[in-house]
C-alpha cells in the first residue's frame, strides 16, 4: 500500500523516487527491498513499468478509489460486522475527528438524504 500511495500521489515514478519517499515516511528501507517489492508488484499486475528510457518508470495499474473501497468494505465487515452506522459512530466519537471533518460529514449526509 505504501508504494501505491506514493505512486497515486506523485504519478509515474522511478524506484529511487519511491524509495526516497518511503524513507521520508518510515524507518530506513533498503533500496533493494523497494526494488524487489516493485518488481513483484509488476509481476502480480499491480504496477506497469515503462522501459523505453534508461530509467524504468513505474505506474499503478490499480485505481486508488477501487483499492481503498475494497479495503474499507473488508474493514467494515471484519471490525464493525458490516455496519456502516457503527463505523460512523466510532468515527464521530473519535478524538481525532476535527470540527471541519464533522462539518464535511454533515454536509455529505445532508446531500445523501436530499438525493434519495
PDB file of N, CA and C in Angstrom:
ATOM      1  N   UNK A   1       0.825  -1.196   0.000  1.00  0.00           N
ATOM      2  CA  UNK A   1       0.000   0.000   0.000  1.00  0.00           C
ATOM      3  C   UNK A   1       0.869   1.259   0.000  1.00  0.00           C
ATOM      4  N   UNK A   2       1.993   1.225   0.708  1.00  0.00           N
ATOM      5  CA  UNK A   2       2.842   2.416   0.765  1.00  0.00           C
ATOM      6  C   UNK A   2       3.365   2.787  -0.619  1.00  0.00           C
ATOM      7  N   UNK A   3       3.760   1.797  -1.398  1.00  0.00           N
ATOM      8  CA  UNK A   3       4.252   2.053  -2.751  1.00  0.00           C
ATOM      9  C   UNK A   3       3.127   2.633  -3.597  1.00  0.00           C
ATOM     10  N   UNK A   4       1.952   2.029  -3.525  1.00  0.00           N
ATOM     11  CA  UNK A   4       0.815   2.542  -4.286  1.00  0.00           C
ATOM     12  C   UNK A   4       0.475   3.968  -3.878  1.00  0.00           C
ATOM     13  N   UNK A   5       0.513   4.254  -2.588  1.00  0.00           N
ATOM     14  CA  UNK A   5       0.202   5.610  -2.113  1.00  0.00           C
ATOM     15  C   UNK A   5       1.158   6.631  -2.728  1.00  0.00           C
ATOM     16  N   UNK A   6       2.438   6.303  -2.776  1.00  0.00           N
ATOM     17  CA  UNK A   6       3.430   7.212  -3.366  1.00  0.00           C
ATOM     18  C   UNK A   6       3.124   7.434  -4.839  1.00  0.00           C
ATOM     19  N   UNK A   7       2.831   6.357  -5.559  1.00  0.00           N
ATOM     20  CA  UNK A   7       2.561   6.477  -6.991  1.00  0.00           C
ATOM     21  C   UNK A   7       1.245   7.201  -7.265  1.00  0.00           C
ATOM     22  N   UNK A   8       0.230   6.949  -6.459  1.00  0.00           N
ATOM     23  CA  UNK A   8      -1.043   7.656  -6.645  1.00  0.00           C
ATOM     24  C   UNK A   8      -0.864   9.154  -6.408  1.00  0.00           C
ATOM     25  N   UNK A   9      -0.092   9.485  -5.409  1.00  0.00           N
ATOM     26  CA  UNK A   9       0.099  10.897  -5.062  1.00  0.00           C
ATOM     27  C   UNK A   9       1.012  11.620  -6.054  1.00  0.00           C
ATOM     28  N   UNK A  10       2.069  10.968  -6.511  1.00  0.00           N
ATOM     29  CA  UNK A  10       3.104  11.635  -7.301  1.00  0.00           C
ATOM     30  C   UNK A  10       3.106  11.269  -8.782  1.00  0.00           C
ATOM     31  N   UNK A  11       2.323  10.284  -9.167  1.00  0.00           N
ATOM     32  CA  UNK A  11       2.297   9.862 -10.561  1.00  0.00           C
ATOM     33  C   UNK A  11       3.446   8.910 -10.869  1.00  0.00           C
ATOM     34  N   UNK A  12       3.591   8.558 -12.158  1.00  0.00           N
ATOM     35  CA  UNK A  12       4.645   7.620 -12.553  1.00  0.00           C
ATOM     36  C   UNK A  12       6.013   8.044 -12.020  1.00  0.00           C
ATOM     37  N   UNK A  13       6.753   7.086 -11.453  1.00  0.00           N
ATOM     38  CA  UNK A  13       7.994   7.411 -10.753  1.00  0.00           C
ATOM     39  C   UNK A  13       9.012   6.286 -10.883  1.00  0.00           C
ATOM     40  N   UNK A  14      10.265   6.642 -10.645  1.00  0.00           N
ATOM     41  CA  UNK A  14      11.342   5.654 -10.615  1.00  0.00           C
ATOM     42  C   UNK A  14      11.355   4.947  -9.252  1.00  0.00           C
ATOM     43  N   UNK A  15      12.049   3.826  -9.202  1.00  0.00           N
ATOM     44  CA  UNK A  15      12.214   3.115  -7.935  1.00  0.00           C
ATOM     45  C   UNK A  15      12.923   4.031  -6.931  1.00  0.00           C
ATOM     46  N   UNK A  16      13.930   4.755  -7.380  1.00  0.00           N
ATOM     47  CA  UNK A  16      14.685   5.649  -6.489  1.00  0.00           C
ATOM     48  C   UNK A  16      13.756   6.686  -5.849  1.00  0.00           C
ATOM     49  N   UNK A  17      12.875   7.283  -6.647  1.00  0.00           N
ATOM     50  CA  UNK A  17      11.956   8.288  -6.116  1.00  0.00           C
ATOM     51  C   UNK A  17      11.033   7.665  -5.067  1.00  0.00           C
ATOM     52  N   UNK A  18      10.443   6.508  -5.404  1.00  0.00           N
ATOM     53  CA  UNK A  18       9.550   5.833  -4.456  1.00  0.00           C
ATOM     54  C   UNK A  18      10.312   5.467  -3.193  1.00  0.00           C
ATOM     55  N   UNK A  19      11.509   4.944  -3.363  1.00  0.00           N
ATOM     56  CA  UNK A  19      12.349   4.563  -2.225  1.00  0.00           C
ATOM     57  C   UNK A  19      12.612   5.767  -1.313  1.00  0.00           C
ATOM     58  N   UNK A  20      12.972   6.898  -1.909  1.00  0.00           N
ATOM     59  CA  UNK A  20      13.245   8.101  -1.111  1.00  0.00           C
ATOM     60  C   UNK A  20      12.002   8.569  -0.362  1.00  0.00           C
ATOM     61  N   UNK A  21      10.840   8.504  -1.008  1.00  0.00           N
ATOM     62  CA  UNK A  21       9.592   8.907  -0.349  1.00  0.00           C
ATOM     63  C   UNK A  21       9.252   7.967   0.804  1.00  0.00           C
ATOM     64  N   UNK A  22       9.475   6.681   0.594  1.00  0.00           N
ATOM     65  CA  UNK A  22       9.212   5.716   1.669  1.00  0.00           C
ATOM     66  C   UNK A  22      10.119   5.983   2.870  1.00  0.00           C
ATOM     67  N   UNK A  23      11.372   6.338   2.614  1.00  0.00           N
ATOM     68  CA  UNK A  23      12.310   6.623   3.704  1.00  0.00           C
ATOM     69  C   UNK A  23      11.943   7.896   4.450  1.00  0.00           C
ATOM     70  N   UNK A  24      11.258   8.825   3.791  1.00  0.00           N
ATOM     71  CA  UNK A  24      10.785  10.034   4.481  1.00  0.00           C
ATOM     72  C   UNK A  24       9.674   9.688   5.462  1.00  0.00           C
ATOM     73  N   UNK A  25       8.893   8.651   5.138  1.00  0.00           N
ATOM     74  CA  UNK A  25       7.709   8.305   5.920  1.00  0.00           C
ATOM     75  C   UNK A  25       7.981   7.315   7.041  1.00  0.00           C
ATOM     76  N   UNK A  26       8.957   6.463   6.863  1.00  0.00           N
ATOM     77  CA  UNK A  26       9.164   5.344   7.792  1.00  0.00           C
ATOM     78  C   UNK A  26      10.628   5.225   8.181  1.00  0.00           C
ATOM     79  N   UNK A  27      10.893   4.164   8.929  1.00  0.00           N
ATOM     80  CA  UNK A  27      12.277   3.849   9.237  1.00  0.00           C
ATOM     81  C   UNK A  27      12.998   3.507   7.935  1.00  0.00           C
ATOM     82  N   UNK A  28      14.304   3.504   7.977  1.00  0.00           N
ATOM     83  CA  UNK A  28      15.103   3.254   6.775  1.00  0.00           C
ATOM     84  C   UNK A  28      14.683   1.962   6.079  1.00  0.00           C
ATOM     85  N   UNK A  29      14.426   2.103   4.780  1.00  0.00           N
ATOM     86  CA  UNK A  29      14.086   0.978   3.926  1.00  0.00           C
ATOM     87  C   UNK A  29      15.280   0.756   3.001  1.00  0.00           C
ATOM     88  N   UNK A  30      15.668  -0.493   2.797  1.00  0.00           N
ATOM     89  CA  UNK A  30      16.799  -0.808   1.931  1.00  0.00           C
ATOM     90  C   UNK A  30      16.341  -0.695   0.481  1.00  0.00           C
ATOM     91  N   UNK A  31      17.153  -0.049  -0.351  1.00  0.00           N
ATOM     92  CA  UNK A  31      16.800   0.184  -1.751  1.00  0.00           C
ATOM     93  C   UNK A  31      16.440  -1.116  -2.470  1.00  0.00           C
ATOM     94  N   UNK A  32      17.232  -2.148  -2.270  1.00  0.00           N
ATOM     95  CA  UNK A  32      16.964  -3.401  -2.979  1.00  0.00           C
ATOM     96  C   UNK A  32      15.623  -4.013  -2.566  1.00  0.00           C
ATOM     97  N   UNK A  33      15.183  -3.745  -1.342  1.00  0.00           N
ATOM     98  CA  UNK A  33      13.871  -4.226  -0.900  1.00  0.00           C
ATOM     99  C   UNK A  33      12.760  -3.497  -1.654  1.00  0.00           C
ATOM    100  N   UNK A  34      12.915  -2.179  -1.822  1.00  0.00           N
ATOM    101  CA  UNK A  34      11.935  -1.407  -2.577  1.00  0.00           C
ATOM    102  C   UNK A  34      11.896  -1.891  -4.025  1.00  0.00           C
ATOM    103  N   UNK A  35      13.081  -2.073  -4.622  1.00  0.00           N
ATOM    104  CA  UNK A  35      13.173  -2.547  -5.996  1.00  0.00           C
ATOM    105  C   UNK A  35      12.486  -3.901  -6.156  1.00  0.00           C
ATOM    106  N   UNK A  36      12.792  -4.839  -5.287  1.00  0.00           N
ATOM    107  CA  UNK A  36      12.212  -6.190  -5.375  1.00  0.00           C
ATOM    108  C   UNK A  36      10.698  -6.139  -5.194  1.00  0.00           C
ATOM    109  N   UNK A  37      10.241  -5.350  -4.233  1.00  0.00           N
ATOM    110  CA  UNK A  37       8.805  -5.227  -3.990  1.00  0.00           C
ATOM    111  C   UNK A  37       8.097  -4.700  -5.235  1.00  0.00           C
ATOM    112  N   UNK A  38       8.669  -3.675  -5.866  1.00  0.00           N
ATOM    113  CA  UNK A  38       8.039  -3.098  -7.044  1.00  0.00           C
ATOM    114  C   UNK A  38       8.096  -4.075  -8.228  1.00  0.00           C
ATOM    115  N   UNK A  39       9.143  -4.873  -8.323  1.00  0.00           N
ATOM    116  CA  UNK A  39       9.222  -5.897  -9.372  1.00  0.00           C
ATOM    117  C   UNK A  39       8.139  -6.966  -9.162  1.00  0.00           C
ATOM    118  N   UNK A  40       7.956  -7.376  -7.923  1.00  0.00           N
ATOM    119  CA  UNK A  40       6.929  -8.364  -7.604  1.00  0.00           C
ATOM    120  C   UNK A  40       5.543  -7.780  -7.880  1.00  0.00           C
ATOM    121  N   UNK A  41       5.333  -6.514  -7.526  1.00  0.00           N
ATOM    122  CA  UNK A  41       4.046  -5.860  -7.785  1.00  0.00           C
ATOM    123  C   UNK A  41       3.768  -5.798  -9.288  1.00  0.00           C
ATOM    124  N   UNK A  42       4.811  -5.605 -10.086  1.00  0.00           N
ATOM    125  CA  UNK A  42       4.647  -5.610 -11.545  1.00  0.00           C
ATOM    126  C   UNK A  42       4.247  -7.005 -12.019  1.00  0.00           C
ATOM    127  N   UNK A  43       4.923  -8.026 -11.509  1.00  0.00           N
ATOM    128  CA  UNK A  43       4.619  -9.406 -11.887  1.00  0.00           C
ATOM    129  C   UNK A  43       3.183  -9.790 -11.531  1.00  0.00           C
ATOM    130  N   UNK A  44       2.665  -9.232 -10.444  1.00  0.00           N
ATOM    131  CA  UNK A  44       1.312  -9.543  -9.984  1.00  0.00           C
ATOM    132  C   UNK A  44       0.260  -8.667 -10.654  1.00  0.00           C
ATOM    133  N   UNK A  45       0.678  -7.774 -11.560  1.00  0.00           N
ATOM    134  CA  UNK A  45      -0.272  -6.940 -12.285  1.00  0.00           C
ATOM    135  C   UNK A  45      -0.740  -5.713 -11.529  1.00  0.00           C
ATOM    136  N   UNK A  46      -0.011  -5.325 -10.492  1.00  0.00           N
ATOM    137  CA  UNK A  46      -0.383  -4.140  -9.716  1.00  0.00           C
ATOM    138  C   UNK A  46       0.269  -2.874 -10.272  1.00  0.00           C
ATOM    139  N   UNK A  47       1.422  -3.029 -10.907  1.00  0.00           N
ATOM    140  CA  UNK A  47       2.165  -1.908 -11.475  1.00  0.00           C
ATOM    141  C   UNK A  47       2.521  -2.228 -12.919  1.00  0.00           C
ATOM    142  N   UNK A  48       2.739  -1.167 -13.691  1.00  0.00           N
ATOM    143  CA  UNK A  48       3.322  -1.352 -15.007  1.00  0.00           C
ATOM    144  C   UNK A  48       4.649  -0.617 -15.029  1.00  0.00           C
ATOM    145  N   UNK A  49       5.546  -1.058 -15.916  1.00  0.00           N
ATOM    146  CA  UNK A  49       6.880  -0.468 -15.964  1.00  0.00           C
ATOM    147  C   UNK A  49       7.152  -0.023 -17.397  1.00  0.00           C
ATOM    148  N   UNK A  50       7.518   1.247 -17.541  1.00  0.00           N
ATOM    149  CA  UNK A  50       7.904   1.800 -18.839  1.00  0.00           C
ATOM    150  C   UNK A  50       9.416   1.667 -18.947  1.00  0.00           C
ATOM    151  N   UNK A  51       9.864   0.871 -19.895  1.00  0.00           N
ATOM    152  CA  UNK A  51      11.288   0.596 -20.053  1.00  0.00           C
ATOM    153  C   UNK A  51      11.882   1.302 -21.266  1.00  0.00           C
ATOM    154  N   UNK A  52      11.190   2.321 -21.795  1.00  0.00           N
ATOM    155  CA  UNK A  52      11.667   2.972 -23.013  1.00  0.00           C
ATOM    156  C   UNK A  52      12.875   3.874 -22.762  1.00  0.00           C
ATOM    157  N   UNK A  53      13.071   4.320 -21.550  1.00  0.00           N
ATOM    158  CA  UNK A  53      14.220   5.161 -21.210  1.00  0.00           C
ATOM    159  C   UNK A  53      15.213   4.367 -20.370  1.00  0.00           C
ATOM    160  N   UNK A  54      16.337   4.989 -20.080  1.00  0.00           N
ATOM    161  CA  UNK A  54      17.344   4.343 -19.221  1.00  0.00           C
ATOM    162  C   UNK A  54      16.763   4.041 -17.847  1.00  0.00           C
ATOM    163  N   UNK A  55      15.972   4.978 -17.329  1.00  0.00           N
ATOM    164  CA  UNK A  55      15.347   4.772 -16.029  1.00  0.00           C
ATOM    165  C   UNK A  55      13.984   4.141 -16.248  1.00  0.00           C
ATOM    166  N   UNK A  56      13.703   3.083 -15.514  1.00  0.00           N
ATOM    167  CA  UNK A  56      12.394   2.449 -15.603  1.00  0.00           C
ATOM    168  C   UNK A  56      11.408   3.258 -14.768  1.00  0.00           C
ATOM    169  N   UNK A  57      10.271   3.563 -15.355  1.00  0.00           N
ATOM    170  CA  UNK A  57       9.239   4.346 -14.679  1.00  0.00           C
ATOM    171  C   UNK A  57       8.063   3.418 -14.373  1.00  0.00           C
ATOM    172  N   UNK A  58       7.666   3.386 -13.119  1.00  0.00           N
ATOM    173  CA  UNK A  58       6.562   2.545 -12.680  1.00  0.00           C
ATOM    174  C   UNK A  58       5.303   3.376 -12.506  1.00  0.00           C
ATOM    175  N   UNK A  59       4.170   2.784 -12.863  1.00  0.00           N
ATOM    176  CA  UNK A  59       2.858   3.408 -12.704  1.00  0.00           C
ATOM    177  C   UNK A  59       1.906   2.382 -12.095  1.00  0.00           C
ATOM    178  N   UNK A  60       0.956   2.843 -11.284  1.00  0.00           N
ATOM    179  CA  UNK A  60      -0.010   1.897 -10.719  1.00  0.00           C
ATOM    180  C   UNK A  60      -1.016   1.461 -11.775  1.00  0.00           C
ATOM    181  N   UNK A  61      -1.364   0.190 -11.775  1.00  0.00           N
ATOM    182  CA  UNK A  61      -2.432  -0.318 -12.631  1.00  0.00           C
ATOM    183  C   UNK A  61      -3.748  -0.385 -11.869  1.00  0.00           C
ATOM    184  N   UNK A  62      -3.660  -0.327 -10.550  1.00  0.00           N
ATOM    185  CA  UNK A  62      -4.845  -0.384  -9.701  1.00  0.00           C
ATOM    186  C   UNK A  62      -5.359   1.019  -9.443  1.00  0.00           C
ATOM    187  N   UNK A  63      -6.682   1.191  -9.522  1.00  0.00           N
ATOM    188  CA  UNK A  63      -7.275   2.502  -9.262  1.00  0.00           C
ATOM    189  C   UNK A  63      -7.407   2.728  -7.766  1.00  0.00           C
ATOM    190  N   UNK A  64      -6.984   3.903  -7.328  1.00  0.00           N
ATOM    191  CA  UNK A  64      -6.961   4.227  -5.901  1.00  0.00           C
ATOM    192  C   UNK A  64      -8.333   4.052  -5.250  1.00  0.00           C
ATOM    193  N   UNK A  65      -9.380   4.596  -5.861  1.00  0.00           N
ATOM    194  CA  UNK A  65     -10.695   4.531  -5.229  1.00  0.00           C
ATOM    195  C   UNK A  65     -11.210   3.099  -5.115  1.00  0.00           C
ATOM    196  N   UNK A  66     -10.903   2.247  -6.089  1.00  0.00           N
ATOM    197  CA  UNK A  66     -11.350   0.858  -6.021  1.00  0.00           C
ATOM    198  C   UNK A  66     -10.604   0.083  -4.936  1.00  0.00           C
ATOM    199  N   UNK A  67      -9.291   0.285  -4.850  1.00  0.00           N
ATOM    200  CA  UNK A  67      -8.494  -0.403  -3.827  1.00  0.00           C
ATOM    201  C   UNK A  67      -8.944   0.029  -2.436  1.00  0.00           C
ATOM    202  N   UNK A  68      -9.083   1.326  -2.238  1.00  0.00           N
ATOM    203  CA  UNK A  68      -9.492   1.824  -0.922  1.00  0.00           C
ATOM    204  C   UNK A  68     -10.916   1.398  -0.595  1.00  0.00           C
ATOM    205  N   UNK A  69     -11.787   1.368  -1.598  1.00  0.00           N
ATOM    206  CA  UNK A  69     -13.157   0.912  -1.374  1.00  0.00           C
ATOM    207  C   UNK A  69     -13.202  -0.547  -0.940  1.00  0.00           C
ATOM    208  N   UNK A  70     -12.422  -1.393  -1.611  1.00  0.00           N
ATOM    209  CA  UNK A  70     -12.365  -2.810  -1.237  1.00  0.00           C
ATOM    210  C   UNK A  70     -11.803  -2.996   0.169  1.00  0.00           C
ATOM    211  N   UNK A  71     -10.745  -2.241   0.489  1.00  0.00           N
ATOM    212  CA  UNK A  71     -10.165  -2.347   1.832  1.00  0.00           C
ATOM    213  C   UNK A  71     -11.149  -1.855   2.891  1.00  0.00           C
ATOM    214  N   UNK A  72     -11.870  -0.786   2.585  1.00  0.00           N
ATOM    215  CA  UNK A  72     -12.853  -0.258   3.524  1.00  0.00           C
ATOM    216  C   UNK A  72     -13.980  -1.270   3.745  1.00  0.00           C
ATOM    217  N   UNK A  73     -14.451  -1.875   2.657  1.00  0.00           N
ATOM    218  CA  UNK A  73     -15.501  -2.893   2.792  1.00  0.00           C
ATOM    219  C   UNK A  73     -15.049  -4.034   3.692  1.00  0.00           C
ATOM    220  N   UNK A  74     -13.828  -4.503   3.468  1.00  0.00           N
ATOM    221  CA  UNK A  74     -13.304  -5.601   4.290  1.00  0.00           C
ATOM    222  C   UNK A  74     -13.161  -5.168   5.750  1.00  0.00           C
ATOM    223  N   UNK A  75     -12.704  -3.925   5.965  1.00  0.00           N
ATOM    224  CA  UNK A  75     -12.543  -3.395   7.319  1.00  0.00           C
ATOM    225  C   UNK A  75     -13.892  -3.310   8.038  1.00  0.00           C
ATOM    226  N   UNK A  76     -14.890  -2.754   7.357  1.00  0.00           N
ATOM    227  CA  UNK A  76     -16.221  -2.623   7.960  1.00  0.00           C
ATOM    228  C   UNK A  76     -16.790  -4.005   8.270  1.00  0.00           C
ATOM    229  N   UNK A  77     -16.613  -4.943   7.347  1.00  0.00           N
ATOM    230  CA  UNK A  77     -17.114  -6.301   7.585  1.00  0.00           C
ATOM    231  C   UNK A  77     -16.445  -6.950   8.788  1.00  0.00           C
ATOM    232  N   UNK A  78     -15.114  -6.814   8.885  1.00  0.00           N
ATOM    233  CA  UNK A  78     -14.402  -7.521   9.953  1.00  0.00           C
ATOM    234  C   UNK A  78     -14.454  -6.795  11.297  1.00  0.00           C
ATOM    235  N   UNK A  79     -14.428  -5.474  11.294  1.00  0.00           N
ATOM    236  CA  UNK A  79     -14.352  -4.732  12.560  1.00  0.00           C
ATOM    237  C   UNK A  79     -15.708  -4.249  13.083  1.00  0.00           C
ATOM    238  N   UNK A  80     -16.678  -4.058  12.172  1.00  0.00           N
ATOM    239  CA  UNK A  80     -17.970  -3.496  12.578  1.00  0.00           C
ATOM    240  C   UNK A  80     -19.135  -4.359  12.121  1.00  0.00           C
ATOM    241  N   UNK A  81     -18.868  -5.651  11.915  1.00  0.00           N
ATOM    242  CA  UNK A  81     -19.900  -6.612  11.500  1.00  0.00           C
ATOM    243  C   UNK A  81     -20.708  -6.121  10.303  1.00  0.00           C
ATOM    244  N   UNK A  82     -20.043  -5.427   9.392  1.00  0.00           N
ATOM    245  CA  UNK A  82     -20.692  -4.954   8.174  1.00  0.00           C
ATOM    246  C   UNK A  82     -21.568  -3.730   8.354  1.00  0.00           C
ATOM    247  N   UNK A  83     -21.547  -3.120   9.518  1.00  0.00           N
ATOM    248  CA  UNK A  83     -22.431  -1.987   9.814  1.00  0.00           C
ATOM    249  C   UNK A  83     -21.718  -0.648   9.581  1.00  0.00           C
ATOM    250  N   UNK A  84     -22.154   0.060   8.546  1.00  0.00           N
ATOM    251  CA  UNK A  84     -21.590   1.381   8.271  1.00  0.00           C
ATOM    252  C   UNK A  84     -21.947   2.370   9.381  1.00  0.00           C
ATOM    253  N   UNK A  85     -23.128   2.208   9.985  1.00  0.00           N
ATOM    254  CA  UNK A  85     -23.520   3.129  11.052  1.00  0.00           C
ATOM    255  C   UNK A  85     -22.631   2.954  12.286  1.00  0.00           C
ATOM    256  N   UNK A  86     -22.244   1.718  12.586  1.00  0.00           N
ATOM    257  CA  UNK A  86     -21.324   1.512  13.710  1.00  0.00           C
ATOM    258  C   UNK A  86     -19.964   2.150  13.428  1.00  0.00           C
ATOM    259  N   UNK A  87     -19.507   2.055  12.175  1.00  0.00           N
ATOM    260  CA  UNK A  87     -18.263   2.721  11.794  1.00  0.00           C
ATOM    261  C   UNK A  87     -18.390   4.229  11.973  1.00  0.00           C
ATOM    262  N   UNK A  88     -19.491   4.801  11.503  1.00  0.00           N
ATOM    263  CA  UNK A  88     -19.698   6.250  11.626  1.00  0.00           C
ATOM    264  C   UNK A  88     -19.740   6.683  13.091  1.00  0.00           C
ATOM    265  N   UNK A  89     -20.394   5.900  13.932  1.00  0.00           N
ATOM    266  CA  UNK A  89     -20.462   6.239  15.359  1.00  0.00           C
ATOM    267  C   UNK A  89     -19.062   6.224  15.968  1.00  0.00           C
ATOM    268  N   UNK A  90     -18.241   5.258  15.575  1.00  0.00           N
ATOM    269  CA  UNK A  90     -16.866   5.201  16.071  1.00  0.00           C
ATOM    270  C   UNK A  90     -16.075   6.408  15.588  1.00  0.00           C
ATOM    271  N   UNK A  91     -16.272   6.805  14.345  1.00  0.00           N
ATOM    272  CA  UNK A  91     -15.571   7.976  13.808  1.00  0.00           C
ATOM    273  C   UNK A  91     -16.013   9.257  14.503  1.00  0.00           C
ATOM    274  N   UNK A  92     -17.308   9.391  14.711  1.00  0.00           N
ATOM    275  CA  UNK A  92     -17.824  10.615  15.332  1.00  0.00           C
ATOM    276  C   UNK A  92     -17.387  10.742  16.785  1.00  0.00           C
ATOM    277  N   UNK A  93     -17.174   9.617  17.448  1.00  0.00           N
ATOM    278  CA  UNK A  93     -16.745   9.638  18.840  1.00  0.00           C
ATOM    279  C   UNK A  93     -15.237   9.675  19.007  1.00  0.00           C
ATOM    280  N   UNK A  94     -14.519   9.714  17.915  1.00  0.00           N
ATOM    281  CA  UNK A  94     -13.062   9.683  17.936  1.00  0.00           C
ATOM    282  C   UNK A  94     -12.497  11.084  18.183  1.00  0.00           C
ATOM    283  N   UNK A  95     -11.511  11.182  19.064  1.00  0.00           N
ATOM    284  CA  UNK A  95     -10.889  12.471  19.365  1.00  0.00           C
ATOM    285  C   UNK A  95     -10.147  13.057  18.171  1.00  0.00           C
ATOM    286  N   UNK A  96      -9.784  12.221  17.198  1.00  0.00           N
ATOM    287  CA  UNK A  96      -9.031  12.695  16.036  1.00  0.00           C
ATOM    288  C   UNK A  96      -9.926  13.386  15.007  1.00  0.00           C
ATOM    289  N   UNK A  97     -11.244  13.247  15.135  1.00  0.00           N
ATOM    290  CA  UNK A  97     -12.165  13.846  14.178  1.00  0.00           C
ATOM    291  C   UNK A  97     -12.300  15.334  14.496  1.00  0.00           C
ATOM    292  N   UNK A  98     -11.843  16.162  13.558  1.00  0.00           N
ATOM    293  CA  UNK A  98     -11.863  17.612  13.770  1.00  0.00           C
ATOM    294  C   UNK A  98     -13.253  18.186  13.499  1.00  0.00           C
ATOM    295  N   UNK A  99     -13.443  19.402  13.921  1.00  0.00           N
ATOM    296  CA  UNK A  99     -14.695  20.108  13.656  1.00  0.00           C
ATOM    297  C   UNK A  99     -14.943  20.256  12.162  1.00  0.00           C
ATOM    298  N   UNK A 100     -13.893  20.519  11.416  1.00  0.00           N
ATOM    299  CA  UNK A 100     -14.011  20.651   9.959  1.00  0.00           C
ATOM    300  C   UNK A 100     -14.444  19.323   9.331  1.00  0.00           C
ATOM    301  N   UNK A 101     -13.885  18.223   9.819  1.00  0.00           N
ATOM    302  CA  UNK A 101     -14.267  16.905   9.300  1.00  0.00           C
ATOM    303  C   UNK A 101     -15.719  16.581   9.645  1.00  0.00           C
ATOM    304  N   UNK A 102     -16.140  16.937  10.849  1.00  0.00           N
ATOM    305  CA  UNK A 102     -17.537  16.729  11.238  1.00  0.00           C
ATOM    306  C   UNK A 102     -18.470  17.531  10.337  1.00  0.00           C
ATOM    307  N   UNK A 103     -18.080  18.751  10.024  1.00  0.00           N
ATOM    308  CA  UNK A 103     -18.881  19.601   9.137  1.00  0.00           C
ATOM    309  C   UNK A 103     -19.022  18.952   7.758  1.00  0.00           C
ATOM    310  N   UNK A 104     -17.917  18.423   7.226  1.00  0.00           N
ATOM    311  CA  UNK A 104     -17.955  17.761   5.923  1.00  0.00           C
ATOM    312  C   UNK A 104     -18.858  16.533   5.961  1.00  0.00           C
ATOM    313  N   UNK A 105     -18.801  15.778   7.071  1.00  0.00           N
ATOM    314  CA  UNK A 105     -19.645  14.594   7.211  1.00  0.00           C
ATOM    315  C   UNK A 105     -21.124  14.990   7.215  1.00  0.00           C
ATOM    316  N   UNK A 106     -21.443  16.048   7.944  1.00  0.00           N
ATOM    317  CA  UNK A 106     -22.835  16.515   7.998  1.00  0.00           C
ATOM    318  C   UNK A 106     -23.312  16.951   6.620  1.00  0.00           C
ATOM    319  N   UNK A 107     -22.462  17.659   5.888  1.00  0.00           N
ATOM    320  CA  UNK A 107     -22.828  18.099   4.540  1.00  0.00           C
ATOM    321  C   UNK A 107     -23.046  16.904   3.621  1.00  0.00           C
ATOM    322  N   UNK A 108     -22.199  15.901   3.737  1.00  0.00           N
ATOM    323  CA  UNK A 108     -22.340  14.702   2.915  1.00  0.00           C
ATOM    324  C   UNK A 108     -23.637  13.973   3.248  1.00  0.00           C
ATOM    325  N   UNK A 109     -23.945  13.837   4.539  1.00  0.00           N
ATOM    326  CA  UNK A 109     -25.183  13.174   4.939  1.00  0.00           C
ATOM    327  C   UNK A 109     -26.400  13.945   4.428  1.00  0.00           C
ATOM    328  N   UNK A 110     -26.359  15.271   4.539  1.00  0.00           N
ATOM    329  CA  UNK A 110     -27.476  16.087   4.051  1.00  0.00           C
ATOM    330  C   UNK A 110     -27.641  15.912   2.535  1.00  0.00           C
ATOM    331  N   UNK A 111     -26.541  15.877   1.806  1.00  0.00           N
ATOM    332  CA  UNK A 111     -26.596  15.688   0.352  1.00  0.00           C
ATOM    333  C   UNK A 111     -27.146  14.312   0.009  1.00  0.00           C
ATOM    334  N   UNK A 112     -26.726  13.293   0.750  1.00  0.00           N
ATOM    335  CA  UNK A 112     -27.204  11.933   0.503  1.00  0.00           C
ATOM    336  C   UNK A 112     -28.701  11.834   0.749  1.00  0.00           C
ATOM    337  N   UNK A 113     -29.190  12.472   1.810  1.00  0.00           N
ATOM    338  CA  UNK A 113     -30.615  12.457   2.113  1.00  0.00           C
ATOM    339  C   UNK A 113     -31.407  13.179   1.038  1.00  0.00           C
ATOM    340  N   UNK A 114     -30.868  14.293   0.572  1.00  0.00           N
ATOM    341  CA  UNK A 114     -31.530  15.083  -0.464  1.00  0.00           C
ATOM    342  C   UNK A 114     -31.633  14.311  -1.775  1.00  0.00           C
ATOM    343  N   UNK A 115     -30.580  13.551  -2.106  1.00  0.00           N
ATOM    344  CA  UNK A 115     -30.538  12.803  -3.360  1.00  0.00           C
ATOM    345  C   UNK A 115     -31.437  11.568  -3.356  1.00  0.00           C
ATOM    346  N   UNK A 116     -31.880  11.135  -2.182  1.00  0.00           N
ATOM    347  CA  UNK A 116     -32.719   9.921  -2.112  1.00  0.00           C
ATOM    348  C   UNK A 116     -34.157  10.226  -2.301  1.00  0.00           C
TER     349      UNK A 116
END
